[in-house]
Amino acid sequence: MARKTPPKMPRWLMGQDPSSRRDDLHYLGHLQPPRFFARWCFGPPRPKPKNPDEVFIEDGEGDLVHIYDFLWIDDPLEPDELEPLLQQAIDAIDQWLENNAAPPSR
């Protein structure tokens, strides 16, 4: 009998609400502890975040990524513990954008 390999769960999951008419609201999920979901967008979020004190803004130039409206599944991290994880989230968003960019037009 063949040995079964359990499926490998991704660390980050990106998506959009398929029923929303807005295409600027994106979601990310961190599927390894500490597990959470959050919204992200380029530039200041609209509508405003539910908790303006819990908004992570990317260090950089141009339209900055904002991560906000956290929904914690596990216990939330302290801000100094959360920041390195959210830097990883920015990297995951960049990778997702690269993989899902529209093909160049001819």
C-alpha atoms as a PDB file:
ATOM      1  CA  MET A   1       0.000   0.000   0.000  1.00  0.00           C
ATOM      2  CA  ALA A   2       1.306   3.445  -0.912  1.00  0.00           C
ATOM      3  CA  ARG A   3       2.256   5.747   1.898  1.00  0.00           C
ATOM      4  CA  LYS A   4       0.072   8.828   2.134  1.00  0.00           C
ATOM      5  CA  THR A   5       1.705  12.190   2.530  1.00  0.00           C
ATOM      6  CA  PRO A   6      -0.388  14.665   4.485  1.00  0.00           C
ATOM      7  CA  PRO A   7      -1.073  17.894   2.593  1.00  0.00           C
ATOM      8  CA  LYS A   8       1.245  20.753   3.460  1.00  0.00           C
ATOM      9  CA  MET A   9      -0.673  23.776   4.674  1.00  0.00           C
ATOM     10  CA  PRO A  10       0.537  27.163   3.467  1.00  0.00           C
ATOM     11  CA  ARG A  11       1.826  29.611   6.036  1.00  0.00           C
ATOM     12  CA  TRP A  12       0.071  32.582   4.393  1.00  0.00           C
ATOM     13  CA  LEU A  13      -3.223  32.624   2.530  1.00  0.00           C
ATOM     14  CA  MET A  14      -4.275  35.625   0.420  1.00  0.00           C
ATOM     15  CA  GLY A  15      -7.700  36.408  -0.972  1.00  0.00           C
ATOM     16  CA  GLN A  16     -10.532  38.754  -1.728  1.00  0.00           C
ATOM     17  CA  ASP A  17     -14.214  38.690  -0.891  1.00  0.00           C
ATOM     18  CA  PRO A  18     -15.878  37.258  -4.020  1.00  0.00           C
ATOM     19  CA  SER A  19     -19.193  38.914  -3.172  1.00  0.00           C
ATOM     20  CA  SER A  20     -17.715  42.398  -2.766  1.00  0.00           C
ATOM     21  CA  ARG A  21     -17.923  44.925  -5.582  1.00  0.00           C
ATOM     22  CA  ARG A  22     -14.756  46.573  -4.303  1.00  0.00           C
ATOM     23  CA  ASP A  23     -11.523  45.201  -5.641  1.00  0.00           C
ATOM     24  CA  ASP A  24      -9.238  47.100  -3.261  1.00  0.00           C
ATOM     25  CA  LEU A  25     -10.055  45.125  -0.092  1.00  0.00           C
ATOM     26  CA  HIS A  26      -7.744  42.177   0.316  1.00  0.00           C
ATOM     27  CA  TYR A  27      -7.416  39.622   3.089  1.00  0.00           C
ATOM     28  CA  LEU A  28      -4.530  37.612   4.447  1.00  0.00           C
ATOM     29  CA  GLY A  29      -4.473  34.701   6.830  1.00  0.00           C
ATOM     30  CA  HIS A  30      -1.561  33.384   8.864  1.00  0.00           C
ATOM     31  CA  LEU A  31      -2.249  29.671   9.211  1.00  0.00           C
ATOM     32  CA  GLN A  32       0.525  28.738  11.628  1.00  0.00           C
ATOM     33  CA  PRO A  33       0.514  29.841  15.271  1.00  0.00           C
ATOM     34  CA  PRO A  34      -0.208  32.581  16.051  1.00  0.00           C
ATOM     35  CA  ARG A  35      -3.119  32.238  13.638  1.00  0.00           C
ATOM     36  CA  PHE A  36      -5.008  35.325  12.524  1.00  0.00           C
ATOM     37  CA  PHE A  37      -6.770  36.962   9.594  1.00  0.00           C
ATOM     38  CA  ALA A  38      -6.508  40.624   8.623  1.00  0.00           C
ATOM     39  CA  ARG A  39      -7.352  43.035   5.844  1.00  0.00           C
ATOM     40  CA  TRP A  40      -4.734  44.781   3.749  1.00  0.00           C
ATOM     41  CA  CYS A  41      -4.741  47.492   1.123  1.00  0.00           C
ATOM     42  CA  PHE A  42      -2.516  50.020  -0.597  1.00  0.00           C
ATOM     43  CA  GLY A  43      -2.698  53.473   0.924  1.00  0.00           C
ATOM     44  CA  PRO A  44      -4.949  54.509   3.803  1.00  0.00           C
ATOM     45  CA  PRO A  45      -7.804  52.030   4.380  1.00  0.00           C
ATOM     46  CA  ARG A  46     -11.351  52.948   3.415  1.00  0.00           C
ATOM     47  CA  PRO A  47     -13.553  52.365   5.308  1.00  0.00           C
ATOM     48  CA  LYS A  48     -11.450  53.279   8.325  1.00  0.00           C
ATOM     49  CA  PRO A  49     -10.027  50.420  10.418  1.00  0.00           C
ATOM     50  CA  LYS A  50     -12.137  49.198  13.320  1.00  0.00           C
ATOM     51  CA  ASN A  51      -9.206  49.852  15.663  1.00  0.00           C
ATOM     52  CA  PRO A  52      -6.956  52.670  14.361  1.00  0.00           C
ATOM     53  CA  ASP A  53      -4.310  51.800  16.998  1.00  0.00           C
ATOM     54  CA  GLU A  54      -3.819  48.362  15.413  1.00  0.00           C
ATOM     55  CA  VAL A  55      -2.702  49.291  11.903  1.00  0.00           C
ATOM     56  CA  PHE A  56       0.645  48.129  10.538  1.00  0.00           C
ATOM     57  CA  ILE A  57       2.080  50.331   7.787  1.00  0.00           C
ATOM     58  CA  GLU A  58       4.884  49.043   5.608  1.00  0.00           C
ATOM     59  CA  ASP A  59       8.232  50.841   5.714  1.00  0.00           C
ATOM     60  CA  GLY A  60       8.877  52.061   2.207  1.00  0.00           C
ATOM     61  CA  GLU A  61       7.919  54.505  -0.494  1.00  0.00           C
ATOM     62  CA  GLY A  62       4.928  54.962  -2.758  1.00  0.00           C
ATOM     63  CA  ASP A  63       1.560  53.380  -2.004  1.00  0.00           C
ATOM     64  CA  LEU A  64       2.315  51.705   1.303  1.00  0.00           C
ATOM     65  CA  VAL A  65       0.647  48.466   2.342  1.00  0.00           C
ATOM     66  CA  HIS A  66      -1.594  48.820   5.389  1.00  0.00           C
ATOM     67  CA  ILE A  67      -2.520  45.697   7.410  1.00  0.00           C
ATOM     68  CA  TYR A  68      -5.459  46.155   9.780  1.00  0.00           C
ATOM     69  CA  ASP A  69      -8.692  44.731  11.273  1.00  0.00           C
ATOM     70  CA  PHE A  70      -7.003  41.718  12.825  1.00  0.00           C
ATOM     71  CA  LEU A  71      -9.133  38.731  13.758  1.00  0.00           C
ATOM     72  CA  TRP A  72      -7.060  36.597  16.120  1.00  0.00           C
ATOM     73  CA  ILE A  73      -7.636  32.867  16.344  1.00  0.00           C
ATOM     74  CA  ASP A  74      -4.746  32.388  18.795  1.00  0.00           C
ATOM     75  CA  ASP A  75      -3.693  34.853  21.488  1.00  0.00           C
ATOM     76  CA  PRO A  76      -2.591  38.169  19.934  1.00  0.00           C
ATOM     77  CA  LEU A  77       1.081  39.049  19.951  1.00  0.00           C
ATOM     78  CA  GLU A  78       2.588  42.073  21.618  1.00  0.00           C
ATOM     79  CA  PRO A  79       3.482  44.851  19.127  1.00  0.00           C
ATOM     80  CA  ASP A  80       7.247  44.163  19.320  1.00  0.00           C
ATOM     81  CA  GLU A  81       6.615  40.455  18.582  1.00  0.00           C
ATOM     82  CA  LEU A  82       4.065  41.184  15.868  1.00  0.00           C
ATOM     83  CA  GLU A  83       6.153  43.562  13.751  1.00  0.00           C
ATOM     84  CA  PRO A  84       8.625  40.908  12.422  1.00  0.00           C
ATOM     85  CA  LEU A  85       5.690  38.648  11.528  1.00  0.00           C
ATOM     86  CA  LEU A  86       3.986  41.476   9.640  1.00  0.00           C
ATOM     87  CA  GLN A  87       7.211  42.165   7.749  1.00  0.00           C
ATOM     88  CA  GLN A  88       6.923  38.530   6.602  1.00  0.00           C
ATOM     89  CA  ALA A  89       3.310  39.286   5.644  1.00  0.00           C
ATOM     90  CA  ILE A  90       4.545  42.135   3.416  1.00  0.00           C
ATOM     91  CA  ASP A  91       6.918  39.672   1.721  1.00  0.00           C
ATOM     92  CA  ALA A  92       4.021  37.230   1.238  1.00  0.00           C
ATOM     93  CA  ILE A  93       1.860  40.004  -0.251  1.00  0.00           C
ATOM     94  CA  ASP A  94       4.682  40.952  -2.629  1.00  0.00           C
ATOM     95  CA  GLN A  95       5.019  37.327  -3.721  1.00  0.00           C
ATOM     96  CA  TRP A  96       1.255  37.003  -4.178  1.00  0.00           C
ATOM     97  CA  LEU A  97       1.171  40.165  -6.284  1.00  0.00           C
ATOM     98  CA  GLU A  98       4.054  38.922  -8.402  1.00  0.00           C
ATOM     99  CA  ASN A  99       2.364  35.566  -8.976  1.00  0.00           C
ATOM    100  CA  ASN A 100      -1.005  37.143  -9.786  1.00  0.00           C
ATOM    101  CA  ALA A 101       0.032  40.098 -11.899  1.00  0.00           C
ATOM    102  CA  ALA A 102      -1.804  40.536 -15.162  1.00  0.00           C
ATOM    103  CA  PRO A 103       0.200  39.259 -18.126  1.00  0.00           C
ATOM    104  CA  PRO A 104       1.872  41.998 -20.147  1.00  0.00           C
ATOM    105  CA  SER A 105      -0.205  43.297 -23.018  1.00  0.00           C
ATOM    106  CA  ARG A 106       1.145  43.223 -26.552  1.00  0.00           C
END
